[in-house]
């Protein structure tokens, strides 16, 4: 098994363990709820992926492909980590920008997250050999953002 695969498995295990811990019935009414934690966690991951994508663009354009590749792998992992962060009890509240379409089309949304993750891994191979870095980033990275935002995120 590769180091990246082991890292992804470890992160998923820690995420599941965290949700198990937070889902127990010891939360007092004046404390943060599991719904709030879940919504804020997914918002943080999406925000992180956006800022990371901007860094990928900068590094790749400058020819610093190793730094760009490391960030692409991080983004790939983040997409997979988003999948369990849309349980039915988090459709509303805490300034979520998620549209009901996510829950109405759960398989489509999950597949988009998996495709986005896979595209980032493919991009780590393609970015160094392409003659059109900006075009490759648009096709493999920014188009995933657009596909999700156009169907699953409230306009802002």
Protein backbone atom coordinates (compact mmCIF):
# COMPACT_ATOMS: atom_id res chain seq x y z
CA UNK A 1 0.00 0.00 0.00
CA UNK A 2 1.20 3.49 -0.78
CA UNK A 3 1.84 6.20 1.77
CA UNK A 4 -0.99 8.32 0.31
CA UNK A 5 -3.45 5.44 0.57
CA UNK A 6 -2.49 4.81 4.21
CA UNK A 7 -2.87 8.52 4.97
CA UNK A 8 -6.34 8.59 3.40
CA UNK A 9 -7.41 5.50 5.37
CA UNK A 10 -6.09 7.01 8.61
CA UNK A 11 -7.90 10.29 8.00
CA UNK A 12 -11.16 8.47 7.27
CA UNK A 13 -10.77 6.41 10.44
CA UNK A 14 -10.16 9.55 12.52
CA UNK A 15 -13.13 11.27 10.91
CA UNK A 16 -15.42 8.32 11.70
CA UNK A 17 -14.05 8.15 15.24
CA UNK A 18 -14.70 11.87 15.69
CA UNK A 19 -18.29 11.55 14.51
CA UNK A 20 -18.86 8.58 16.77
CA UNK A 21 -17.50 10.53 19.71
CA UNK A 22 -19.56 13.62 18.90
CA UNK A 23 -22.75 11.67 18.31
CA UNK A 24 -23.00 10.33 21.86
CA UNK A 25 -25.73 11.77 24.07
CA UNK A 26 -23.59 13.77 26.46
CA UNK A 27 -23.94 17.15 24.75
CA UNK A 28 -25.61 19.71 26.97
CA UNK A 29 -28.14 22.10 25.48
CA UNK A 30 -25.78 25.07 25.84
CA UNK A 31 -22.96 23.29 24.04
CA UNK A 32 -22.28 22.96 20.36
CA UNK A 33 -24.40 20.36 18.51
CA UNK A 34 -23.26 17.63 16.15
CA UNK A 35 -25.19 19.36 13.35
CA UNK A 36 -23.27 22.59 13.90
CA UNK A 37 -19.94 20.77 14.03
CA UNK A 38 -20.76 18.89 10.83
CA UNK A 39 -21.87 21.96 8.88
CA UNK A 40 -18.90 24.03 10.04
CA UNK A 41 -16.50 21.19 9.25
CA UNK A 42 -17.72 20.83 5.67
CA UNK A 43 -17.70 24.60 5.16
CA UNK A 44 -14.11 24.68 6.41
CA UNK A 45 -13.07 21.89 4.04
CA UNK A 46 -14.69 23.59 1.03
CA UNK A 47 -13.04 26.87 1.99
CA UNK A 48 -9.69 25.13 2.41
CA UNK A 49 -10.01 23.47 -0.98
CA UNK A 50 -10.72 26.82 -2.63
CA UNK A 51 -7.69 28.50 -1.08
CA UNK A 52 -5.60 25.42 -1.86
CA UNK A 53 -6.77 25.46 -5.49
CA UNK A 54 -5.58 29.05 -5.81
CA UNK A 55 -2.17 27.96 -4.48
CA UNK A 56 -2.09 25.03 -6.91
CA UNK A 57 -2.71 27.50 -9.74
CA UNK A 58 0.15 29.74 -8.57
CA UNK A 59 2.66 26.92 -8.04
CA UNK A 60 1.81 25.13 -11.28
CA UNK A 61 1.99 28.34 -13.31
CA UNK A 62 5.42 29.07 -11.83
CA UNK A 63 6.59 25.53 -12.62
CA UNK A 64 6.85 24.43 -8.97
CA UNK A 65 5.13 21.14 -9.70
CA UNK A 66 6.16 19.30 -6.52
CA UNK A 67 4.45 21.86 -4.28
CA UNK A 68 1.44 21.88 -6.60
CA UNK A 69 1.24 18.06 -6.55
CA UNK A 70 1.32 17.92 -2.74
CA UNK A 71 -1.59 20.36 -2.63
CA UNK A 72 -3.49 18.40 -5.29
CA UNK A 73 -3.23 15.27 -3.13
CA UNK A 74 -4.49 17.25 -0.14
CA UNK A 75 -7.47 18.45 -2.18
CA UNK A 76 -8.17 14.91 -3.34
CA UNK A 77 -8.32 13.70 0.26
CA UNK A 78 -10.56 16.62 1.21
CA UNK A 79 -13.10 15.72 -1.46
CA UNK A 80 -13.38 12.20 -0.04
CA UNK A 81 -13.64 13.57 3.50
CA UNK A 82 -16.64 15.68 2.46
CA UNK A 83 -18.83 12.72 1.51
CA UNK A 84 -19.92 11.74 5.05
CA UNK A 85 -20.47 15.38 6.07
CA UNK A 86 -23.97 15.65 4.58
CA UNK A 87 -26.24 13.63 6.89
CA UNK A 88 -29.97 14.38 6.71
CA UNK A 89 -29.97 16.39 9.93
CA UNK A 90 -27.67 19.05 8.44
CA UNK A 91 -29.85 20.39 5.63
CA UNK A 92 -30.47 23.68 7.41
CA UNK A 93 -28.92 26.00 9.92
CA UNK A 94 -25.56 27.49 10.73
CA UNK A 95 -25.45 29.45 7.47
CA UNK A 96 -25.14 26.33 5.34
CA UNK A 97 -24.97 27.05 1.63
CA UNK A 98 -25.83 23.47 0.73
CA UNK A 99 -28.92 23.13 -1.42
CA UNK A 100 -31.55 20.38 -0.90
CA UNK A 101 -30.36 18.96 -4.23
CA UNK A 102 -27.48 17.31 -2.35
CA UNK A 103 -29.85 15.11 -0.37
CA UNK A 104 -32.28 14.67 -3.27
CA UNK A 105 -29.42 13.51 -5.52
CA UNK A 106 -27.08 11.98 -2.94
CA UNK A 107 -25.47 9.46 -5.30
CA UNK A 108 -24.82 12.15 -7.90
CA UNK A 109 -23.25 14.42 -5.28
CA UNK A 110 -21.11 11.62 -3.82
CA UNK A 111 -19.99 10.61 -7.31
CA UNK A 112 -19.04 14.20 -8.06
CA UNK A 113 -16.90 14.29 -4.90
CA UNK A 114 -15.24 11.01 -5.92
CA UNK A 115 -14.69 12.25 -9.47
CA UNK A 116 -13.21 15.49 -8.16
CA UNK A 117 -10.87 13.49 -5.93
CA UNK A 118 -9.82 11.23 -8.81
CA UNK A 119 -9.34 14.21 -11.13
CA UNK A 120 -6.93 15.78 -8.65
CA UNK A 121 -4.88 12.58 -8.58
CA UNK A 122 -4.86 12.46 -12.40
CA UNK A 123 -3.80 16.10 -12.44
CA UNK A 124 -0.67 15.23 -10.43
CA UNK A 125 0.42 13.14 -13.43
CA UNK A 126 -0.75 15.48 -16.19
CA UNK A 127 0.34 18.87 -14.93
CA UNK A 128 4.04 18.50 -15.58
CA UNK A 129 3.69 17.30 -19.17
CA UNK A 130 0.87 19.47 -20.46
CA UNK A 131 1.59 22.36 -22.78
CA UNK A 132 -1.46 24.24 -21.49
CA UNK A 133 -1.22 24.40 -17.69
CA UNK A 134 -4.11 26.84 -17.32
CA UNK A 135 -6.34 24.72 -19.59
CA UNK A 136 -5.47 21.53 -17.70
CA UNK A 137 -6.22 23.21 -14.36
CA UNK A 138 -9.54 24.45 -15.71
CA UNK A 139 -10.46 21.01 -17.03
CA UNK A 140 -9.33 18.92 -14.06
CA UNK A 141 -9.74 21.27 -11.08
CA UNK A 142 -11.86 24.39 -11.59
CA UNK A 143 -14.53 22.57 -13.60
CA UNK A 144 -15.22 20.36 -10.55
CA UNK A 145 -15.81 23.46 -8.43
CA UNK A 146 -18.16 24.87 -11.05
CA UNK A 147 -20.09 21.60 -11.46
CA UNK A 148 -20.76 21.37 -7.74
CA UNK A 149 -21.56 25.06 -7.22
CA UNK A 150 -23.99 25.23 -10.11
CA UNK A 151 -26.16 22.41 -8.78
CA UNK A 152 -25.49 21.95 -5.10
CA UNK A 153 -24.58 25.34 -3.59
CA UNK A 154 -26.77 28.35 -2.92
CA UNK A 155 -25.76 31.47 -4.88
CA UNK A 156 -23.95 34.07 -2.86
